[in-house]
Amino acid sequence: MTAVTAGELGGLKPARRGSIQKSRRQALFWSYVFLVIFAIFFLTPPIYMLVTSLKSSGEISAVTNPWWVYQPTLENYVELLTQNQFLVFFRNSVVVSVTVVAITMLISVPAAFALSRMKFWGSATLATGVFLTYLIPETLLFIPLFKIFAFLRDVTGIEFINHWWILIILYPTLSVPFCTWIMIGYFASIPKELDEAALIDGAGYIQMLTKIFIPVALPGIIAATIFAFTVSWANFLYPLAFTTSADQLVLPVGIVTTLIKGDVYNWGQIMAGSLLCAAPPLIVYAFLMDYYIAGLTAGATKG
């Protein structure tokens, strides 16, 4: 159905106009229905986590309404934030995530620029291979990576396992391929007249990248940055497999391993820690959501 403007709608016959208005009302009604279902489905877990984090251990174990807090308390948050162990987890996560984001962007932006603008033999195949690399599940990668680090330990004498900095080496294997693929699509959508004009003016490829493509492609770069930060902040498998000591853990694994002791689950602190762990990505998405959506959708069409 083609879009009808307000002027065109006024010029239609009453029956036709009423049919279009009815169709719009039905579309709006079902949009709200599915929006409410979506909100309920995705907001129920964090709301339950928040409710549980505000309860004491006694209230959690009591047979009461699990969706209501009878005696709210911030005890779980205070205990976590005053524990040196939790602060160590948070520090490790921040250092690892920021470093991984920097490494990812330093690799993916030049790589995407080369694959999208500097055409050479096999560039299209290589660009496809970059994305296919991302599709390999990390559950298949951590075993060969573990063997590689064991081999390097035997050769160099350096222990790679059980150090938080090993995650800085591991996470780019997940973030670089996808970020490069995002940036390839974004760079390809930029009109070629820009780089042709820059070449005529005597600019080199480095100048083209830094003075033309990076400013124009800023939404795409921000989208790739958010993805790299999310991957490095929320990853669970790699830190679980490659770090074991409490002072080397990051937040996702540290919360689980230290707050679950045998069959004793400290649900209040687990929920509080999970919400605190989710806060940084939530803040990043809240401030940069417009750039993130623009960066993901701009590469879908070529100008």
C-alpha atoms as a PDB file:
ATOM      1  CA  MET A   1       0.000   0.000   0.000  1.00  0.00           C
ATOM      2  CA  THR A   2       1.445   3.386  -0.974  1.00  0.00           C
ATOM      3  CA  ALA A   3       1.671   6.163   1.592  1.00  0.00           C
ATOM      4  CA  VAL A   4      -1.131   8.725   1.498  1.00  0.00           C
ATOM      5  CA  THR A   5      -0.515  12.309   2.601  1.00  0.00           C
ATOM      6  CA  ALA A   6      -2.991  14.402   4.584  1.00  0.00           C
ATOM      7  CA  GLY A   7      -3.918  16.438   1.487  1.00  0.00           C
ATOM      8  CA  GLU A   8      -4.516  13.344  -0.597  1.00  0.00           C
ATOM      9  CA  LEU A   9      -6.538  11.794   2.219  1.00  0.00           C
ATOM     10  CA  GLY A  10      -8.852  14.841   2.270  1.00  0.00           C
ATOM     11  CA  GLY A  11      -9.474  14.522  -1.462  1.00  0.00           C
ATOM     12  CA  LEU A  12     -10.591  10.903  -1.285  1.00  0.00           C
ATOM     13  CA  LYS A  13     -14.165   9.725  -1.101  1.00  0.00           C
ATOM     14  CA  PRO A  14     -15.559   9.385   2.443  1.00  0.00           C
ATOM     15  CA  ALA A  15     -15.733   5.577   2.213  1.00  0.00           C
ATOM     16  CA  ARG A  16     -12.153   5.330   1.000  1.00  0.00           C
ATOM     17  CA  ARG A  17     -10.967   7.835   3.610  1.00  0.00           C
ATOM     18  CA  GLY A  18     -12.710   5.932   6.382  1.00  0.00           C
ATOM     19  CA  SER A  19     -11.155   2.667   5.219  1.00  0.00           C
ATOM     20  CA  ILE A  20      -7.667   4.154   5.326  1.00  0.00           C
ATOM     21  CA  GLN A  21      -8.218   5.666   8.765  1.00  0.00           C
ATOM     22  CA  LYS A  22      -9.541   2.346  10.066  1.00  0.00           C
ATOM     23  CA  SER A  23      -6.525   0.551   8.648  1.00  0.00           C
ATOM     24  CA  ARG A  24      -4.224   3.017  10.391  1.00  0.00           C
ATOM     25  CA  ARG A  25      -6.029   2.591  13.712  1.00  0.00           C
ATOM     26  CA  GLN A  26      -5.740  -1.188  13.450  1.00  0.00           C
ATOM     27  CA  ALA A  27      -2.044  -0.941  12.614  1.00  0.00           C
ATOM     28  CA  LEU A  28      -1.498   1.389  15.593  1.00  0.00           C
ATOM     29  CA  PHE A  29      -3.487  -0.911  17.893  1.00  0.00           C
ATOM     30  CA  TRP A  30      -1.479  -4.003  16.971  1.00  0.00           C
ATOM     31  CA  SER A  31       1.745  -2.030  17.214  1.00  0.00           C
ATOM     32  CA  TYR A  32       0.940  -1.182  20.827  1.00  0.00           C
ATOM     33  CA  VAL A  33      -0.120  -4.769  21.556  1.00  0.00           C
ATOM     34  CA  PHE A  34       3.176  -6.224  20.355  1.00  0.00           C
ATOM     35  CA  LEU A  35       5.112  -3.404  22.022  1.00  0.00           C
ATOM     36  CA  VAL A  36       3.500  -4.221  25.380  1.00  0.00           C
ATOM     37  CA  ILE A  37       4.239  -7.937  24.910  1.00  0.00           C
ATOM     38  CA  PHE A  38       7.832  -7.109  24.017  1.00  0.00           C
ATOM     39  CA  ALA A  39       8.214  -4.848  27.060  1.00  0.00           C
ATOM     40  CA  ILE A  40       6.755  -7.465  29.429  1.00  0.00           C
ATOM     41  CA  PHE A  41       8.923 -10.236  28.005  1.00  0.00           C
ATOM     42  CA  PHE A  42      12.208  -8.326  28.206  1.00  0.00           C
ATOM     43  CA  LEU A  43      11.646  -6.179  31.302  1.00  0.00           C
ATOM     44  CA  THR A  44      10.391  -8.955  33.590  1.00  0.00           C
ATOM     45  CA  PRO A  45      13.869 -10.424  34.366  1.00  0.00           C
ATOM     46  CA  PRO A  46      15.574  -7.100  35.295  1.00  0.00           C
ATOM     47  CA  ILE A  47      12.571  -6.012  37.357  1.00  0.00           C
ATOM     48  CA  TYR A  48      12.647  -9.292  39.264  1.00  0.00           C
ATOM     49  CA  MET A  49      16.407  -8.879  39.760  1.00  0.00           C
ATOM     50  CA  LEU A  50      15.872  -5.381  41.160  1.00  0.00           C
ATOM     51  CA  VAL A  51      13.135  -6.577  43.520  1.00  0.00           C
ATOM     52  CA  THR A  52      15.271  -9.461  44.762  1.00  0.00           C
ATOM     53  CA  SER A  53      18.342  -7.251  45.248  1.00  0.00           C
ATOM     54  CA  LEU A  54      16.349  -5.039  47.637  1.00  0.00           C
ATOM     55  CA  LYS A  55      15.445  -7.970  49.910  1.00  0.00           C
ATOM     56  CA  SER A  56      17.314  -9.418  52.862  1.00  0.00           C
ATOM     57  CA  SER A  57      18.302 -13.072  52.861  1.00  0.00           C
ATOM     58  CA  GLY A  58      15.521 -13.862  55.309  1.00  0.00           C
ATOM     59  CA  GLU A  59      12.854 -12.254  53.170  1.00  0.00           C
ATOM     60  CA  ILE A  60      14.121 -14.017  50.049  1.00  0.00           C
ATOM     61  CA  SER A  61      13.835 -17.423  51.706  1.00  0.00           C
ATOM     62  CA  ALA A  62      10.446 -16.636  53.258  1.00  0.00           C
ATOM     63  CA  VAL A  63       7.251 -17.877  51.619  1.00  0.00           C
ATOM     64  CA  THR A  64       5.910 -14.506  50.486  1.00  0.00           C
ATOM     65  CA  ASN A  65       5.033 -12.759  47.264  1.00  0.00           C
ATOM     66  CA  PRO A  66       8.322 -12.820  45.286  1.00  0.00           C
ATOM     67  CA  TRP A  67       7.359  -9.693  43.342  1.00  0.00           C
ATOM     68  CA  TRP A  68       6.974  -7.457  46.396  1.00  0.00           C
ATOM     69  CA  VAL A  69       9.515  -6.057  48.843  1.00  0.00           C
ATOM     70  CA  TYR A  70       8.082  -5.846  52.348  1.00  0.00           C
ATOM     71  CA  GLN A  71      11.232  -4.508  54.033  1.00  0.00           C
ATOM     72  CA  PRO A  72      13.444  -2.907  51.352  1.00  0.00           C
ATOM     73  CA  THR A  73      17.135  -2.647  52.127  1.00  0.00           C
ATOM     74  CA  LEU A  74      20.324  -1.611  50.337  1.00  0.00           C
ATOM     75  CA  GLU A  75      22.385  -4.038  52.367  1.00  0.00           C
ATOM     76  CA  ASN A  76      23.288  -6.170  49.355  1.00  0.00           C
ATOM     77  CA  TYR A  77      24.634  -3.187  47.419  1.00  0.00           C
ATOM     78  CA  VAL A  78      26.546  -1.832  50.398  1.00  0.00           C
ATOM     79  CA  GLU A  79      28.204  -5.176  51.094  1.00  0.00           C
ATOM     80  CA  LEU A  80      29.271  -5.563  47.462  1.00  0.00           C
ATOM     81  CA  LEU A  81      30.599  -2.039  47.045  1.00  0.00           C
ATOM     82  CA  THR A  82      32.556  -2.217  50.294  1.00  0.00           C
ATOM     83  CA  GLN A  83      34.178  -5.540  49.402  1.00  0.00           C
ATOM     84  CA  ASN A  84      37.647  -5.156  47.951  1.00  0.00           C
ATOM     85  CA  GLN A  85      37.085  -8.313  45.886  1.00  0.00           C
ATOM     86  CA  PHE A  86      34.151  -6.837  43.955  1.00  0.00           C
ATOM     87  CA  LEU A  87      36.113  -3.648  43.277  1.00  0.00           C
ATOM     88  CA  VAL A  88      38.964  -5.773  41.893  1.00  0.00           C
ATOM     89  CA  PHE A  89      36.513  -7.493  39.537  1.00  0.00           C
ATOM     90  CA  PHE A  90      35.217  -4.108  38.412  1.00  0.00           C
ATOM     91  CA  ARG A  91      38.728  -2.730  37.864  1.00  0.00           C
ATOM     92  CA  ASN A  92      39.745  -5.759  35.804  1.00  0.00           C
ATOM     93  CA  SER A  93      36.621  -5.449  33.656  1.00  0.00           C
ATOM     94  CA  VAL A  94      37.177  -1.745  33.016  1.00  0.00           C
ATOM     95  CA  VAL A  95      40.856  -2.140  32.093  1.00  0.00           C
ATOM     96  CA  VAL A  96      40.191  -5.136  29.831  1.00  0.00           C
ATOM     97  CA  SER A  97      37.168  -3.569  28.097  1.00  0.00           C
ATOM     98  CA  VAL A  98      38.782  -0.191  27.422  1.00  0.00           C
ATOM     99  CA  THR A  99      41.978  -1.799  26.109  1.00  0.00           C
ATOM    100  CA  VAL A 100      40.082  -4.246  23.902  1.00  0.00           C
ATOM    101  CA  VAL A 101      37.978  -1.424  22.438  1.00  0.00           C
ATOM    102  CA  ALA A 102      41.133   0.548  21.605  1.00  0.00           C
ATOM    103  CA  ILE A 103      42.850  -2.461  19.998  1.00  0.00           C
ATOM    104  CA  THR A 104      39.708  -3.408  18.077  1.00  0.00           C
ATOM    105  CA  MET A 105      39.227   0.029  16.567  1.00  0.00           C
ATOM    106  CA  LEU A 106      42.923   0.429  15.715  1.00  0.00           C
ATOM    107  CA  ILE A 107      42.690  -2.804  13.715  1.00  0.00           C
ATOM    108  CA  SER A 108      39.152  -2.810  12.312  1.00  0.00           C
ATOM    109  CA  VAL A 109      38.959   0.784  11.014  1.00  0.00           C
ATOM    110  CA  PRO A 110      42.095   0.632   8.790  1.00  0.00           C
ATOM    111  CA  ALA A 111      41.215  -2.933   7.743  1.00  0.00           C
ATOM    112  CA  ALA A 112      37.681  -1.960   6.763  1.00  0.00           C
ATOM    113  CA  PHE A 113      38.962   1.082   4.860  1.00  0.00           C
ATOM    114  CA  ALA A 114      41.455  -1.050   2.924  1.00  0.00           C
ATOM    115  CA  LEU A 115      38.914  -3.754   2.095  1.00  0.00           C
ATOM    116  CA  SER A 116      36.181  -1.326   1.012  1.00  0.00           C
ATOM    117  CA  ARG A 117      38.169   1.361  -0.841  1.00  0.00           C
ATOM    118  CA  MET A 118      41.609   0.002  -1.776  1.00  0.00           C
ATOM    119  CA  LYS A 119      40.561  -2.666  -4.254  1.00  0.00           C
ATOM    120  CA  PHE A 120      43.133  -5.428  -4.746  1.00  0.00           C
ATOM    121  CA  TRP A 121      43.142  -9.064  -5.793  1.00  0.00           C
ATOM    122  CA  GLY A 122      41.081 -11.138  -3.364  1.00  0.00           C
ATOM    123  CA  SER A 123      39.750  -8.152  -1.398  1.00  0.00           C
ATOM    124  CA  ALA A 124      36.105  -9.252  -1.763  1.00  0.00           C
ATOM    125  CA  THR A 125      36.930 -12.811  -0.697  1.00  0.00           C
ATOM    126  CA  LEU A 126      38.942 -11.533   2.245  1.00  0.00           C
ATOM    127  CA  ALA A 127      36.076  -9.273   3.329  1.00  0.00           C
ATOM    128  CA  THR A 128      33.687 -12.235   3.266  1.00  0.00           C
ATOM    129  CA  GLY A 129      36.193 -14.334   5.182  1.00  0.00           C
ATOM    130  CA  VAL A 130      36.422 -11.682   7.891  1.00  0.00           C
ATOM    131  CA  PHE A 131      32.693 -11.941   8.542  1.00  0.00           C
ATOM    132  CA  LEU A 132      32.687 -15.747   8.354  1.00  0.00           C
ATOM    133  CA  THR A 133      35.379 -15.760  11.029  1.00  0.00           C
ATOM    134  CA  TYR A 134      32.937 -14.057  13.377  1.00  0.00           C
ATOM    135  CA  LEU A 135      30.358 -16.791  12.785  1.00  0.00           C
ATOM    136  CA  ILE A 136      32.617 -19.453  14.334  1.00  0.00           C
ATOM    137  CA  PRO A 137      31.255 -20.066  17.860  1.00  0.00           C
ATOM    138  CA  GLU A 138      33.585 -19.146  20.696  1.00  0.00           C
ATOM    139  CA  THR A 139      32.809 -22.521  22.262  1.00  0.00           C
ATOM    140  CA  LEU A 140      34.857 -24.038  19.427  1.00  0.00           C
ATOM    141  CA  LEU A 141      37.663 -21.496  19.666  1.00  0.00           C
ATOM    142  CA  PHE A 142      38.595 -21.590  23.328  1.00  0.00           C
ATOM    143  CA  ILE A 143      39.923 -25.185  23.182  1.00  0.00           C
ATOM    144  CA  PRO A 144      42.510 -24.562  20.399  1.00  0.00           C
ATOM    145  CA  LEU A 145      43.387 -21.231  22.019  1.00  0.00           C
ATOM    146  CA  PHE A 146      44.008 -23.033  25.280  1.00  0.00           C
ATOM    147  CA  LYS A 147      46.353 -25.458  23.489  1.00  0.00           C
ATOM    148  CA  ILE A 148      48.169 -22.567  21.788  1.00  0.00           C
ATOM    149  CA  PHE A 149      48.824 -20.832  25.103  1.00  0.00           C
ATOM    150  CA  ALA A 150      50.024 -24.098  26.625  1.00  0.00           C
ATOM    151  CA  PHE A 151      52.455 -24.497  23.703  1.00  0.00           C
ATOM    152  CA  LEU A 152      53.697 -20.924  24.088  1.00  0.00           C
ATOM    153  CA  ARG A 153      54.252 -21.509  27.794  1.00  0.00           C
ATOM    154  CA  ASP A 154      56.444 -24.522  27.012  1.00  0.00           C
ATOM    155  CA  VAL A 155      58.411 -22.530  24.412  1.00  0.00           C
ATOM    156  CA  THR A 156      58.788 -19.167  26.155  1.00  0.00           C
ATOM    157  CA  GLY A 157      58.360 -20.108  29.804  1.00  0.00           C
ATOM    158  CA  ILE A 158      55.686 -17.400  30.184  1.00  0.00           C
ATOM    159  CA  GLU A 159      52.467 -18.465  31.890  1.00  0.00           C
ATOM    160  CA  PHE A 160      49.567 -17.114  29.842  1.00  0.00           C
ATOM    161  CA  ILE A 161      46.759 -18.840  31.723  1.00  0.00           C
ATOM    162  CA  ASN A 162      45.181 -17.299  34.830  1.00  0.00           C
ATOM    163  CA  HIS A 163      46.112 -13.681  34.089  1.00  0.00           C
ATOM    164  CA  TRP A 164      43.501 -11.008  33.435  1.00  0.00           C
ATOM    165  CA  TRP A 165      45.615  -9.491  30.645  1.00  0.00           C
ATOM    166  CA  ILE A 166      45.236 -12.681  28.588  1.00  0.00           C
ATOM    167  CA  LEU A 167      41.650 -11.556  27.948  1.00  0.00           C
ATOM    168  CA  ILE A 168      43.039  -8.527  26.087  1.00  0.00           C
ATOM    169  CA  ILE A 169      44.555 -10.987  23.606  1.00  0.00           C
ATOM    170  CA  LEU A 170      41.471 -13.201  23.423  1.00  0.00           C
ATOM    171  CA  TYR A 171      38.584 -10.752  23.077  1.00  0.00           C
ATOM    172  CA  PRO A 172      39.749  -9.155  19.793  1.00  0.00           C
ATOM    173  CA  THR A 173      39.288 -12.564  18.143  1.00  0.00           C
ATOM    174  CA  LEU A 174      35.555 -11.951  18.691  1.00  0.00           C
ATOM    175  CA  SER A 175      35.290  -8.178  18.267  1.00  0.00           C
ATOM    176  CA  VAL A 176      37.649  -7.415  15.354  1.00  0.00           C
ATOM    177  CA  PRO A 177      35.891  -9.531  12.654  1.00  0.00           C
ATOM    178  CA  PHE A 178      32.406  -8.168  13.342  1.00  0.00           C
ATOM    179  CA  CYS A 179      33.537  -4.558  13.790  1.00  0.00           C
ATOM    180  CA  THR A 180      35.517  -4.784  10.560  1.00  0.00           C
ATOM    181  CA  TRP A 181      32.451  -6.117   8.752  1.00  0.00           C
ATOM    182  CA  ILE A 182      30.290  -3.279  10.113  1.00  0.00           C
ATOM    183  CA  MET A 183      32.823  -0.697   9.001  1.00  0.00           C
ATOM    184  CA  ILE A 184      33.207  -2.261   5.536  1.00  0.00           C
ATOM    185  CA  GLY A 185      29.496  -1.745   4.898  1.00  0.00           C
ATOM    186  CA  TYR A 186      29.610   1.792   6.256  1.00  0.00           C
ATOM    187  CA  PHE A 187      32.681   2.843   4.278  1.00  0.00           C
ATOM    188  CA  ALA A 188      31.165   1.312   1.125  1.00  0.00           C
ATOM    189  CA  SER A 189      28.083   3.545   1.559  1.00  0.00           C
ATOM    190  CA  ILE A 190      30.179   6.724   1.434  1.00  0.00           C
ATOM    191  CA  PRO A 191      30.124   8.276  -2.085  1.00  0.00           C
ATOM    192  CA  LYS A 192      33.268   7.561  -4.047  1.00  0.00           C
ATOM    193  CA  GLU A 193      33.353  11.167  -5.240  1.00  0.00           C
ATOM    194  CA  LEU A 194      34.807  12.120  -1.853  1.00  0.00           C
ATOM    195  CA  ASP A 195      37.944  10.003  -2.155  1.00  0.00           C
ATOM    196  CA  GLU A 196      38.276  10.773  -5.872  1.00  0.00           C
ATOM    197  CA  ALA A 197      38.289  14.493  -5.066  1.00  0.00           C
ATOM    198  CA  ALA A 198      40.819  13.888  -2.282  1.00  0.00           C
ATOM    199  CA  LEU A 199      43.101  11.969  -4.652  1.00  0.00           C
ATOM    200  CA  ILE A 200      42.885  14.778  -7.207  1.00  0.00           C
ATOM    201  CA  ASP A 201      43.891  17.251  -4.480  1.00  0.00           C
ATOM    202  CA  GLY A 202      46.951  15.121  -3.732  1.00  0.00           C
ATOM    203  CA  ALA A 203      45.822  13.460  -0.497  1.00  0.00           C
ATOM    204  CA  GLY A 204      47.187  10.036   0.404  1.00  0.00           C
ATOM    205  CA  TYR A 205      45.199   7.107   1.727  1.00  0.00           C
ATOM    206  CA  ILE A 206      46.129   7.880   5.343  1.00  0.00           C
ATOM    207  CA  GLN A 207      44.922  11.454   4.936  1.00  0.00           C
ATOM    208  CA  MET A 208      41.739  10.224   3.286  1.00  0.00           C
ATOM    209  CA  LEU A 209      41.072   7.919   6.206  1.00  0.00           C
ATOM    210  CA  THR A 210      41.799  10.416   8.989  1.00  0.00           C
ATOM    211  CA  LYS A 211      40.378  13.607   7.462  1.00  0.00           C
ATOM    212  CA  ILE A 212      37.450  12.327   5.379  1.00  0.00           C
ATOM    213  CA  PHE A 213      36.295   8.812   6.196  1.00  0.00           C
ATOM    214  CA  ILE A 214      36.599   8.802   9.997  1.00  0.00           C
ATOM    215  CA  PRO A 215      34.621  12.076  10.462  1.00  0.00           C
ATOM    216  CA  VAL A 216      31.963  11.000   7.947  1.00  0.00           C
ATOM    217  CA  ALA A 217      31.770   7.445   9.313  1.00  0.00           C
ATOM    218  CA  LEU A 218      31.635   8.484  12.976  1.00  0.00           C
ATOM    219  CA  PRO A 219      28.199   6.851  13.615  1.00  0.00           C
ATOM    220  CA  GLY A 220      29.490   3.554  12.230  1.00  0.00           C
ATOM    221  CA  ILE A 221      32.649   3.790  14.316  1.00  0.00           C
ATOM    222  CA  ILE A 222      30.574   4.462  17.432  1.00  0.00           C
ATOM    223  CA  ALA A 223      28.357   1.458  16.649  1.00  0.00           C
ATOM    224  CA  ALA A 224      31.425  -0.768  16.280  1.00  0.00           C
ATOM    225  CA  THR A 225      32.885   0.665  19.496  1.00  0.00           C
ATOM    226  CA  ILE A 226      29.705  -0.106  21.440  1.00  0.00           C
ATOM    227  CA  PHE A 227      29.705  -3.667  20.112  1.00  0.00           C
ATOM    228  CA  ALA A 228      33.364  -4.188  21.051  1.00  0.00           C
ATOM    229  CA  PHE A 229      32.723  -2.819  24.538  1.00  0.00           C
ATOM    230  CA  THR A 230      29.676  -5.053  25.021  1.00  0.00           C
ATOM    231  CA  VAL A 231      31.559  -8.168  23.899  1.00  0.00           C
ATOM    232  CA  SER A 232      34.527  -7.502  26.171  1.00  0.00           C
ATOM    233  CA  TRP A 233      32.424  -6.458  29.171  1.00  0.00           C
ATOM    234  CA  ALA A 234      29.823  -9.245  29.111  1.00  0.00           C
ATOM    235  CA  ASN A 235      31.794 -12.254  27.850  1.00  0.00           C
ATOM    236  CA  PHE A 236      31.576 -15.199  30.226  1.00  0.00           C
ATOM    237  CA  LEU A 237      33.183 -18.227  28.587  1.00  0.00           C
ATOM    238  CA  TYR A 238      36.704 -16.944  27.993  1.00  0.00           C
ATOM    239  CA  PRO A 239      37.303 -15.560  31.515  1.00  0.00           C
ATOM    240  CA  LEU A 240      35.758 -18.721  32.967  1.00  0.00           C
ATOM    241  CA  ALA A 241      38.153 -20.933  30.997  1.00  0.00           C
ATOM    242  CA  PHE A 242      41.341 -18.849  31.184  1.00  0.00           C
ATOM    243  CA  THR A 243      41.229 -17.253  34.665  1.00  0.00           C
ATOM    244  CA  THR A 244      40.747 -18.963  37.999  1.00  0.00           C
ATOM    245  CA  SER A 245      42.315 -16.862  40.795  1.00  0.00           C
ATOM    246  CA  ALA A 246      39.963 -14.400  42.488  1.00  0.00           C
ATOM    247  CA  ASP A 247      42.231 -11.403  41.839  1.00  0.00           C
ATOM    248  CA  GLN A 248      42.320 -12.166  38.087  1.00  0.00           C
ATOM    249  CA  LEU A 249      38.568 -12.479  37.477  1.00  0.00           C
ATOM    250  CA  VAL A 250      36.290  -9.996  35.736  1.00  0.00           C
ATOM    251  CA  LEU A 251      32.762  -9.132  36.820  1.00  0.00           C
ATOM    252  CA  PRO A 252      30.628 -11.732  34.960  1.00  0.00           C
ATOM    253  CA  VAL A 253      32.661 -14.660  36.264  1.00  0.00           C
ATOM    254  CA  GLY A 254      33.630 -13.111  39.597  1.00  0.00           C
ATOM    255  CA  ILE A 255      30.006 -12.608  40.638  1.00  0.00           C
ATOM    256  CA  VAL A 256      29.129 -16.243  39.946  1.00  0.00           C
ATOM    257  CA  THR A 257      32.218 -17.881  41.411  1.00  0.00           C
ATOM    258  CA  THR A 258      32.413 -15.873  44.642  1.00  0.00           C
ATOM    259  CA  LEU A 259      28.718 -15.505  45.511  1.00  0.00           C
ATOM    260  CA  ILE A 260      27.800 -19.136  44.844  1.00  0.00           C
ATOM    261  CA  LYS A 261      29.468 -21.399  47.381  1.00  0.00           C
ATOM    262  CA  GLY A 262      28.589 -25.017  46.868  1.00  0.00           C
ATOM    263  CA  ASP A 263      24.817 -25.239  47.023  1.00  0.00           C
ATOM    264  CA  VAL A 264      24.453 -21.915  48.859  1.00  0.00           C
ATOM    265  CA  TYR A 265      23.260 -19.104  46.599  1.00  0.00           C
ATOM    266  CA  ASN A 266      23.457 -15.565  47.951  1.00  0.00           C
ATOM    267  CA  TRP A 267      20.631 -14.413  45.707  1.00  0.00           C
ATOM    268  CA  GLY A 268      20.418 -10.869  47.021  1.00  0.00           C
ATOM    269  CA  GLN A 269      24.052 -10.053  46.294  1.00  0.00           C
ATOM    270  CA  ILE A 270      24.000 -12.035  43.030  1.00  0.00           C
ATOM    271  CA  MET A 271      21.128  -9.922  41.733  1.00  0.00           C
ATOM    272  CA  ALA A 272      22.681  -6.701  43.022  1.00  0.00           C
ATOM    273  CA  GLY A 273      26.025  -7.578  41.451  1.00  0.00           C
ATOM    274  CA  SER A 274      24.377  -8.482  38.152  1.00  0.00           C
ATOM    275  CA  LEU A 275      22.566  -5.140  38.026  1.00  0.00           C
ATOM    276  CA  LEU A 276      25.773  -3.256  38.824  1.00  0.00           C
ATOM    277  CA  CYS A 277      27.538  -5.263  36.129  1.00  0.00           C
ATOM    278  CA  ALA A 278      24.837  -4.357  33.597  1.00  0.00           C
ATOM    279  CA  ALA A 279      24.929  -0.640  34.451  1.00  0.00           C
ATOM    280  CA  PRO A 280      27.955   0.476  32.346  1.00  0.00           C
ATOM    281  CA  PRO A 281      26.700  -1.018  29.033  1.00  0.00           C
ATOM    282  CA  LEU A 282      23.227   0.349  29.788  1.00  0.00           C
ATOM    283  CA  ILE A 283      24.623   3.841  30.317  1.00  0.00           C
ATOM    284  CA  VAL A 284      26.664   3.616  27.108  1.00  0.00           C
ATOM    285  CA  TYR A 285      23.627   2.501  25.096  1.00  0.00           C
ATOM    286  CA  ALA A 286      21.427   5.192  26.647  1.00  0.00           C
ATOM    287  CA  PHE A 287      23.720   8.026  25.547  1.00  0.00           C
ATOM    288  CA  LEU A 288      24.808   6.603  22.187  1.00  0.00           C
ATOM    289  CA  MET A 289      21.709   4.731  20.999  1.00  0.00           C
ATOM    290  CA  ASP A 290      21.030   7.132  18.111  1.00  0.00           C
ATOM    291  CA  TYR A 291      24.588   6.718  16.817  1.00  0.00           C
ATOM    292  CA  TYR A 292      24.376   2.964  17.283  1.00  0.00           C
ATOM    293  CA  ILE A 293      21.191   2.624  15.199  1.00  0.00           C
ATOM    294  CA  ALA A 294      22.523   4.971  12.520  1.00  0.00           C
ATOM    295  CA  GLY A 295      25.776   3.050  12.327  1.00  0.00           C
ATOM    296  CA  LEU A 296      24.066  -0.327  11.961  1.00  0.00           C
ATOM    297  CA  THR A 297      21.604   0.819   9.305  1.00  0.00           C
ATOM    298  CA  ALA A 298      23.763   3.172   7.216  1.00  0.00           C
ATOM    299  CA  GLY A 299      25.745   0.368   5.634  1.00  0.00           C
ATOM    300  CA  ALA A 300      22.617  -1.333   4.334  1.00  0.00           C
ATOM    301  CA  THR A 301      22.467   0.936   1.291  1.00  0.00           C
ATOM    302  CA  LYS A 302      25.145   2.345  -0.926  1.00  0.00           C
ATOM    303  CA  GLY A 303      25.054   6.011  -1.875  1.00  0.00           C
END
